[in-house]
Structure formats: structure tokens, C-alpha cells
Amino acid sequence: MDTVQRLALALTIIGALNWGVAGLFRFDVVGQLGGGFSEPLSRFLYIAIGISGLLTLGLLFDKWRDRKSEHPTAEET
């Protein structure tokens, strides 16, 4: 896993934790740190977390691709 994927995964985890806190306690950590939901810093953080989520989808598909190569189908043998 390269540095960009690690950073993306870390931001995705932060976003997931933020959603958990928002759901449990009705408190938006990212919005609070950024000065409010619609402030430019908060918007940047939300966009970065969203893009990170898309980048980490590649990790999921890499795992699926690895599983396919480990278990060849009857047609491949």
C-alpha cells in the first residue's frame, strides 16, 4: 500500500468516526474543527474525506482481484 492510499484510508476512517459521533451525539467534529459546516476549511475537509473514500474503493477491488487469482475457476484450469 503506497502513501497516498494510506493517507486516503486514514481520512476515510476519520470520516467514518465523524459520522459515528454525529449519529450518537449529534456533534459534527469536522465541522467544529473547521469553524462551522459551511466554512471553507470544513468544506475542504469534507471534500478530502469524500475523495479519500473513493480512493479506498480501489483497495476493496484489489482484494477481490487477489481472491480471484488465488482460486482459479474450472475454465482457467
N, C-alpha and C. Protein backbone atom coordinates (compact mmCIF):
# COMPACT_ATOMS: atom_id res chain seq x y z
N MET A 1 0.86 -1.17 0.00
CA MET A 1 0.00 0.00 0.00
C MET A 1 0.90 1.23 0.00
N ASP A 2 0.66 2.13 -0.95
CA ASP A 2 1.52 3.31 -1.03
C ASP A 2 1.01 4.42 -0.11
N THR A 3 1.76 5.50 -0.05
CA THR A 3 1.49 6.59 0.88
C THR A 3 0.14 7.24 0.62
N VAL A 4 -0.22 7.44 -0.64
CA VAL A 4 -1.50 8.08 -0.96
C VAL A 4 -2.66 7.22 -0.47
N GLN A 5 -2.56 5.91 -0.67
CA GLN A 5 -3.63 5.03 -0.21
C GLN A 5 -3.70 5.00 1.32
N ARG A 6 -2.57 5.05 1.98
CA ARG A 6 -2.58 5.09 3.45
C ARG A 6 -3.24 6.38 3.96
N LEU A 7 -2.89 7.50 3.34
CA LEU A 7 -3.50 8.77 3.72
C LEU A 7 -5.00 8.76 3.45
N ALA A 8 -5.38 8.23 2.30
CA ALA A 8 -6.80 8.14 1.96
C ALA A 8 -7.54 7.25 2.95
N LEU A 9 -6.94 6.14 3.33
CA LEU A 9 -7.56 5.25 4.30
C LEU A 9 -7.71 5.93 5.66
N ALA A 10 -6.69 6.67 6.08
CA ALA A 10 -6.76 7.39 7.35
C ALA A 10 -7.87 8.43 7.33
N LEU A 11 -7.99 9.18 6.24
CA LEU A 11 -9.06 10.18 6.13
C LEU A 11 -10.43 9.53 6.09
N THR A 12 -10.54 8.38 5.44
CA THR A 12 -11.81 7.66 5.40
C THR A 12 -12.21 7.20 6.79
N ILE A 13 -11.25 6.73 7.56
CA ILE A 13 -11.54 6.31 8.93
C ILE A 13 -11.97 7.50 9.78
N ILE A 14 -11.30 8.63 9.61
CA ILE A 14 -11.69 9.85 10.33
C ILE A 14 -13.11 10.24 9.96
N GLY A 15 -13.44 10.15 8.68
CA GLY A 15 -14.80 10.46 8.25
C GLY A 15 -15.83 9.51 8.85
N ALA A 16 -15.49 8.23 8.91
CA ALA A 16 -16.40 7.26 9.50
C ALA A 16 -16.60 7.52 10.99
N LEU A 17 -15.52 7.85 11.68
CA LEU A 17 -15.64 8.17 13.10
C LEU A 17 -16.48 9.43 13.31
N ASN A 18 -16.31 10.40 12.42
CA ASN A 18 -17.11 11.62 12.50
C ASN A 18 -18.60 11.31 12.34
N TRP A 19 -18.93 10.44 11.38
CA TRP A 19 -20.32 10.03 11.20
C TRP A 19 -20.84 9.33 12.44
N GLY A 20 -20.03 8.48 13.05
CA GLY A 20 -20.44 7.79 14.26
C GLY A 20 -20.73 8.75 15.40
N VAL A 21 -19.84 9.71 15.59
CA VAL A 21 -20.05 10.71 16.64
C VAL A 21 -21.29 11.56 16.33
N ALA A 22 -21.45 11.92 15.07
CA ALA A 22 -22.63 12.71 14.69
C ALA A 22 -23.91 11.93 14.93
N GLY A 23 -23.89 10.64 14.63
CA GLY A 23 -25.08 9.83 14.85
C GLY A 23 -25.39 9.60 16.32
N LEU A 24 -24.38 9.38 17.11
CA LEU A 24 -24.59 9.09 18.53
C LEU A 24 -24.86 10.34 19.36
N PHE A 25 -24.09 11.40 19.09
CA PHE A 25 -24.13 12.57 19.97
C PHE A 25 -24.59 13.86 19.30
N ARG A 26 -24.94 13.77 18.02
CA ARG A 26 -25.36 14.97 17.26
C ARG A 26 -24.30 16.07 17.32
N PHE A 27 -23.05 15.66 17.17
CA PHE A 27 -21.93 16.60 17.21
C PHE A 27 -21.03 16.33 16.02
N ASP A 28 -20.82 17.34 15.19
CA ASP A 28 -20.01 17.22 13.98
C ASP A 28 -18.59 17.69 14.28
N VAL A 29 -17.68 16.74 14.48
CA VAL A 29 -16.30 17.05 14.86
C VAL A 29 -15.60 17.83 13.75
N VAL A 30 -15.73 17.37 12.50
CA VAL A 30 -15.06 18.04 11.38
C VAL A 30 -15.60 19.45 11.21
N GLY A 31 -16.90 19.62 11.30
CA GLY A 31 -17.49 20.95 11.19
C GLY A 31 -17.04 21.86 12.32
N GLN A 32 -16.94 21.32 13.50
CA GLN A 32 -16.48 22.11 14.65
C GLN A 32 -15.02 22.53 14.50
N LEU A 33 -14.18 21.60 14.05
CA LEU A 33 -12.76 21.93 13.86
C LEU A 33 -12.56 22.93 12.74
N GLY A 34 -13.43 22.87 11.73
CA GLY A 34 -13.30 23.77 10.59
C GLY A 34 -13.99 25.10 10.76
N GLY A 35 -14.62 25.35 11.89
CA GLY A 35 -15.24 26.64 12.14
C GLY A 35 -16.70 26.71 11.74
N GLY A 36 -17.30 25.61 11.41
CA GLY A 36 -18.71 25.58 11.01
C GLY A 36 -18.87 24.76 9.75
N PHE A 37 -20.09 24.27 9.55
CA PHE A 37 -20.34 23.34 8.44
C PHE A 37 -20.04 23.95 7.07
N SER A 38 -20.38 25.22 6.88
CA SER A 38 -20.24 25.81 5.54
C SER A 38 -18.98 26.64 5.36
N GLU A 39 -18.11 26.64 6.33
CA GLU A 39 -16.85 27.38 6.21
C GLU A 39 -15.92 26.68 5.21
N PRO A 40 -15.07 27.46 4.53
CA PRO A 40 -14.19 26.86 3.51
C PRO A 40 -13.31 25.72 4.03
N LEU A 41 -12.76 25.84 5.22
CA LEU A 41 -11.91 24.77 5.75
C LEU A 41 -12.71 23.48 5.96
N SER A 42 -13.90 23.61 6.52
CA SER A 42 -14.75 22.43 6.71
C SER A 42 -15.12 21.80 5.38
N ARG A 43 -15.49 22.63 4.43
CA ARG A 43 -15.85 22.12 3.10
C ARG A 43 -14.68 21.39 2.47
N PHE A 44 -13.46 21.95 2.61
CA PHE A 44 -12.27 21.28 2.09
C PHE A 44 -12.07 19.93 2.76
N LEU A 45 -12.23 19.87 4.08
CA LEU A 45 -12.07 18.61 4.81
C LEU A 45 -13.10 17.58 4.35
N TYR A 46 -14.35 18.01 4.17
CA TYR A 46 -15.39 17.08 3.71
C TYR A 46 -15.09 16.58 2.30
N ILE A 47 -14.62 17.46 1.43
CA ILE A 47 -14.26 17.05 0.07
C ILE A 47 -13.08 16.08 0.10
N ALA A 48 -12.06 16.36 0.92
CA ALA A 48 -10.90 15.48 1.03
C ALA A 48 -11.31 14.11 1.55
N ILE A 49 -12.22 14.07 2.53
CA ILE A 49 -12.69 12.80 3.06
C ILE A 49 -13.49 12.05 2.01
N GLY A 50 -14.31 12.75 1.24
CA GLY A 50 -15.09 12.12 0.18
C GLY A 50 -14.21 11.52 -0.91
N ILE A 51 -13.21 12.25 -1.34
CA ILE A 51 -12.28 11.75 -2.35
C ILE A 51 -11.50 10.56 -1.79
N SER A 52 -11.14 10.63 -0.52
CA SER A 52 -10.43 9.53 0.12
C SER A 52 -11.28 8.26 0.12
N GLY A 53 -12.56 8.42 0.36
CA GLY A 53 -13.46 7.27 0.30
C GLY A 53 -13.47 6.63 -1.07
N LEU A 54 -13.45 7.44 -2.11
CA LEU A 54 -13.40 6.90 -3.47
C LEU A 54 -12.07 6.20 -3.74
N LEU A 55 -10.99 6.77 -3.24
CA LEU A 55 -9.68 6.15 -3.45
C LEU A 55 -9.56 4.81 -2.73
N THR A 56 -10.17 4.71 -1.57
CA THR A 56 -10.08 3.46 -0.83
C THR A 56 -10.93 2.36 -1.45
N LEU A 57 -11.86 2.71 -2.33
CA LEU A 57 -12.59 1.68 -3.07
C LEU A 57 -11.63 0.81 -3.86
N GLY A 58 -10.54 1.41 -4.34
CA GLY A 58 -9.53 0.65 -5.06
C GLY A 58 -8.93 -0.46 -4.21
N LEU A 59 -8.79 -0.21 -2.91
CA LEU A 59 -8.27 -1.24 -2.02
C LEU A 59 -9.22 -2.43 -1.95
N LEU A 60 -10.51 -2.15 -1.93
CA LEU A 60 -11.51 -3.21 -1.91
C LEU A 60 -11.43 -4.06 -3.17
N PHE A 61 -11.34 -3.41 -4.31
CA PHE A 61 -11.29 -4.15 -5.56
C PHE A 61 -9.97 -4.89 -5.73
N ASP A 62 -8.88 -4.36 -5.17
CA ASP A 62 -7.60 -5.09 -5.19
C ASP A 62 -7.73 -6.40 -4.44
N LYS A 63 -8.41 -6.38 -3.31
CA LYS A 63 -8.61 -7.61 -2.53
C LYS A 63 -9.43 -8.61 -3.32
N TRP A 64 -10.48 -8.14 -4.00
CA TRP A 64 -11.31 -9.04 -4.81
C TRP A 64 -10.49 -9.64 -5.95
N ARG A 65 -9.66 -8.82 -6.57
CA ARG A 65 -8.82 -9.30 -7.67
C ARG A 65 -7.83 -10.34 -7.18
N ASP A 66 -7.26 -10.13 -5.98
CA ASP A 66 -6.33 -11.09 -5.39
C ASP A 66 -7.03 -12.42 -5.10
N ARG A 67 -8.26 -12.37 -4.62
CA ARG A 67 -9.00 -13.60 -4.33
C ARG A 67 -9.28 -14.38 -5.61
N LYS A 68 -9.60 -13.69 -6.69
CA LYS A 68 -9.86 -14.37 -7.96
C LYS A 68 -8.62 -15.10 -8.45
N SER A 69 -7.45 -14.49 -8.28
CA SER A 69 -6.23 -15.11 -8.76
C SER A 69 -5.82 -16.30 -7.88
N GLU A 70 -6.23 -16.32 -6.61
CA GLU A 70 -5.92 -17.43 -5.71
C GLU A 70 -6.76 -18.66 -6.00
N HIS A 71 -7.99 -18.46 -6.48
CA HIS A 71 -8.93 -19.55 -6.72
C HIS A 71 -9.32 -19.57 -8.19
N PRO A 72 -8.54 -20.21 -9.03
CA PRO A 72 -8.89 -20.25 -10.45
C PRO A 72 -10.19 -21.02 -10.69
N THR A 73 -10.95 -20.56 -11.66
CA THR A 73 -12.19 -21.23 -11.99
C THR A 73 -11.89 -22.48 -12.81
N ALA A 74 -12.90 -23.29 -13.07
CA ALA A 74 -12.73 -24.53 -13.83
C ALA A 74 -12.28 -24.23 -15.26
N GLU A 75 -12.70 -23.09 -15.79
CA GLU A 75 -12.33 -22.72 -17.15
C GLU A 75 -10.85 -22.39 -17.26
N GLU A 76 -10.24 -21.88 -16.17
CA GLU A 76 -8.84 -21.48 -16.19
C GLU A 76 -7.89 -22.65 -15.98
N THR A 77 -8.38 -23.78 -15.49
CA THR A 77 -7.50 -24.93 -15.21
C THR A 77 -7.44 -25.88 -16.37
